[in-house]
Amino acid sequence: MESKRQQKVGRQIQKDLGDIFQKEAQHLINGSLVTVTGVRMTPDLGIARAYLSFLPEKNKSVVFESILENTKFIRQKLGERVRHQLRIVPDLEFYLDDTAEYAAKMDALFADIVIPPAEDEDKSE
């Protein structure tokens, strides 16, 4: 369970990372839409684990690799934004958030299930 401070810092970093991807890191994402779906902070606020989802999904591995290679640049931009709120700019760890894909897969599985209608009790006697 995260403390209130961890949650608060995580929400702020989530917002700032979203702005960075939209405004300052367009060259890294090649026209894709990057959504920061969540940020989890370690108890010492030293590491921020950011979960990302991408649209369109066809080139997400290329975009994700580009983000991983440029983590230092993204951290620098984050530091410029949070330098007055945080004493230490957290290290960034990025993860793919595949919950949307998982939900779509589960919806497809449930859509394929065929449930036969229940037999009437009177007919079986």
Protein backbone atom coordinates (compact mmCIF):
# COMPACT_ATOMS: atom_id res chain seq x y z
CA MET A 1 0.00 0.00 0.00
CA GLU A 2 1.40 3.35 -1.02
CA SER A 3 1.45 6.23 1.41
CA LYS A 4 -0.41 9.43 0.61
CA ARG A 5 2.90 11.13 -0.19
CA GLN A 6 3.83 8.38 -2.67
CA GLN A 7 0.42 8.64 -4.33
CA LYS A 8 0.59 12.42 -4.53
CA VAL A 9 4.10 12.44 -6.02
CA GLY A 10 3.11 9.64 -8.40
CA ARG A 11 0.12 11.59 -9.70
CA GLN A 12 2.27 14.68 -10.23
CA ILE A 13 4.93 12.72 -12.10
CA GLN A 14 2.23 11.03 -14.19
CA LYS A 15 0.87 14.43 -15.20
CA ASP A 16 4.33 15.84 -15.93
CA LEU A 17 5.41 12.80 -17.97
CA GLY A 18 2.22 13.09 -20.03
CA ASP A 19 3.03 16.72 -20.79
CA ILE A 20 6.63 15.86 -21.66
CA PHE A 21 5.55 13.17 -24.13
CA GLN A 22 3.01 15.52 -25.73
CA LYS A 23 5.12 18.66 -25.95
CA GLU A 24 8.85 18.04 -25.56
CA ALA A 25 9.49 14.46 -26.67
CA GLN A 26 7.56 14.28 -29.94
CA HIS A 27 10.75 13.25 -31.75
CA LEU A 28 10.97 10.12 -29.57
CA ILE A 29 7.48 8.79 -30.15
CA ASN A 30 7.19 9.21 -33.96
CA GLY A 31 3.60 10.46 -33.99
CA SER A 32 2.26 7.82 -31.63
CA LEU A 33 -0.01 8.70 -28.77
CA VAL A 34 1.65 7.79 -25.48
CA THR A 35 -0.54 7.55 -22.40
CA VAL A 36 0.97 7.35 -18.94
CA THR A 37 -1.59 5.08 -17.30
CA GLY A 38 -0.01 5.11 -13.86
CA VAL A 39 3.08 5.84 -11.82
CA ARG A 40 4.10 3.87 -8.72
CA MET A 41 6.68 5.37 -6.38
CA THR A 42 9.08 3.51 -4.09
CA PRO A 43 8.78 4.42 -0.39
CA ASP A 44 11.90 6.62 -0.52
CA LEU A 45 10.57 8.39 -3.67
CA GLY A 46 13.80 7.46 -5.43
CA ILE A 47 12.30 5.38 -8.25
CA ALA A 48 9.20 6.11 -10.30
CA ARG A 49 7.76 3.15 -12.21
CA ALA A 50 5.73 4.54 -15.09
CA TYR A 51 3.27 2.38 -17.02
CA LEU A 52 2.77 3.38 -20.66
CA SER A 53 0.27 2.48 -23.35
CA PHE A 54 0.55 3.38 -27.03
CA LEU A 55 -1.74 4.12 -29.96
CA PRO A 56 -1.46 2.96 -32.70
CA GLU A 57 -0.25 -0.35 -31.40
CA LYS A 58 1.47 -1.53 -34.57
CA ASN A 59 4.85 0.10 -33.80
CA LYS A 60 4.73 0.20 -30.02
CA SER A 61 7.87 -1.88 -29.54
CA VAL A 62 9.90 0.61 -31.62
CA VAL A 63 8.49 3.57 -29.70
CA PHE A 64 9.02 1.84 -26.36
CA GLU A 65 12.66 1.09 -27.23
CA SER A 66 13.14 4.74 -28.20
CA ILE A 67 11.75 5.85 -24.84
CA LEU A 68 14.01 3.40 -22.99
CA GLU A 69 17.07 4.67 -24.87
CA ASN A 70 16.20 8.28 -24.02
CA THR A 71 15.27 7.84 -20.36
CA LYS A 72 18.02 10.24 -19.36
CA PHE A 73 16.57 13.01 -21.56
CA ILE A 74 13.06 12.41 -20.17
CA ARG A 75 14.38 12.46 -16.60
CA GLN A 76 16.14 15.77 -17.30
CA LYS A 77 12.91 17.30 -18.60
CA LEU A 78 11.06 15.93 -15.55
CA GLY A 79 13.70 17.45 -13.28
CA GLU A 80 13.10 20.87 -14.82
CA ARG A 81 9.42 20.57 -13.93
CA VAL A 82 9.65 19.16 -10.37
CA ARG A 83 12.83 20.82 -9.12
CA HIS A 84 10.91 23.02 -6.68
CA GLN A 85 8.65 20.23 -5.36
CA LEU A 86 11.12 17.35 -4.93
CA ARG A 87 14.58 17.28 -3.43
CA ILE A 88 15.70 14.38 -5.62
CA VAL A 89 14.43 13.70 -9.13
CA PRO A 90 13.44 10.01 -9.13
CA ASP A 91 14.99 7.49 -11.49
CA LEU A 92 12.51 6.44 -14.15
CA GLU A 93 11.57 2.88 -15.01
CA PHE A 94 9.16 2.37 -17.89
CA TYR A 95 6.85 -0.61 -18.33
CA LEU A 96 4.33 -1.52 -21.01
CA ASP A 97 0.77 -1.39 -19.74
CA ASP A 98 -1.16 -4.08 -21.53
CA THR A 99 -4.40 -3.92 -19.58
CA ALA A 100 -6.33 -2.59 -22.61
CA GLU A 101 -5.11 -5.49 -24.74
CA TYR A 102 -5.94 -7.95 -21.97
CA ALA A 103 -9.45 -6.50 -21.62
CA ALA A 104 -10.02 -6.73 -25.38
CA LYS A 105 -8.81 -10.34 -25.37
CA MET A 106 -11.15 -11.22 -22.49
CA ASP A 107 -14.08 -9.49 -24.23
CA ALA A 108 -13.40 -11.53 -27.35
CA LEU A 109 -13.31 -14.74 -25.33
CA PHE A 110 -16.58 -13.95 -23.59
CA ALA A 111 -18.21 -12.99 -26.90
CA ASP A 112 -17.38 -16.43 -28.31
CA ILE A 113 -19.03 -18.32 -25.47
CA VAL A 114 -22.31 -19.91 -26.49
CA ILE A 115 -24.65 -20.61 -23.61
CA PRO A 116 -27.53 -22.92 -24.52
CA PRO A 117 -30.94 -21.90 -23.24
CA ALA A 118 -32.13 -23.63 -20.08
CA GLU A 119 -34.62 -26.44 -20.55
CA ASP A 120 -38.05 -25.97 -19.10
CA GLU A 121 -38.76 -28.07 -15.99
CA ASP A 122 -42.20 -29.10 -17.28
CA LYS A 123 -40.90 -30.63 -20.52
CA SER A 124 -38.43 -32.93 -18.81
CA GLU A 125 -41.16 -34.79 -16.81
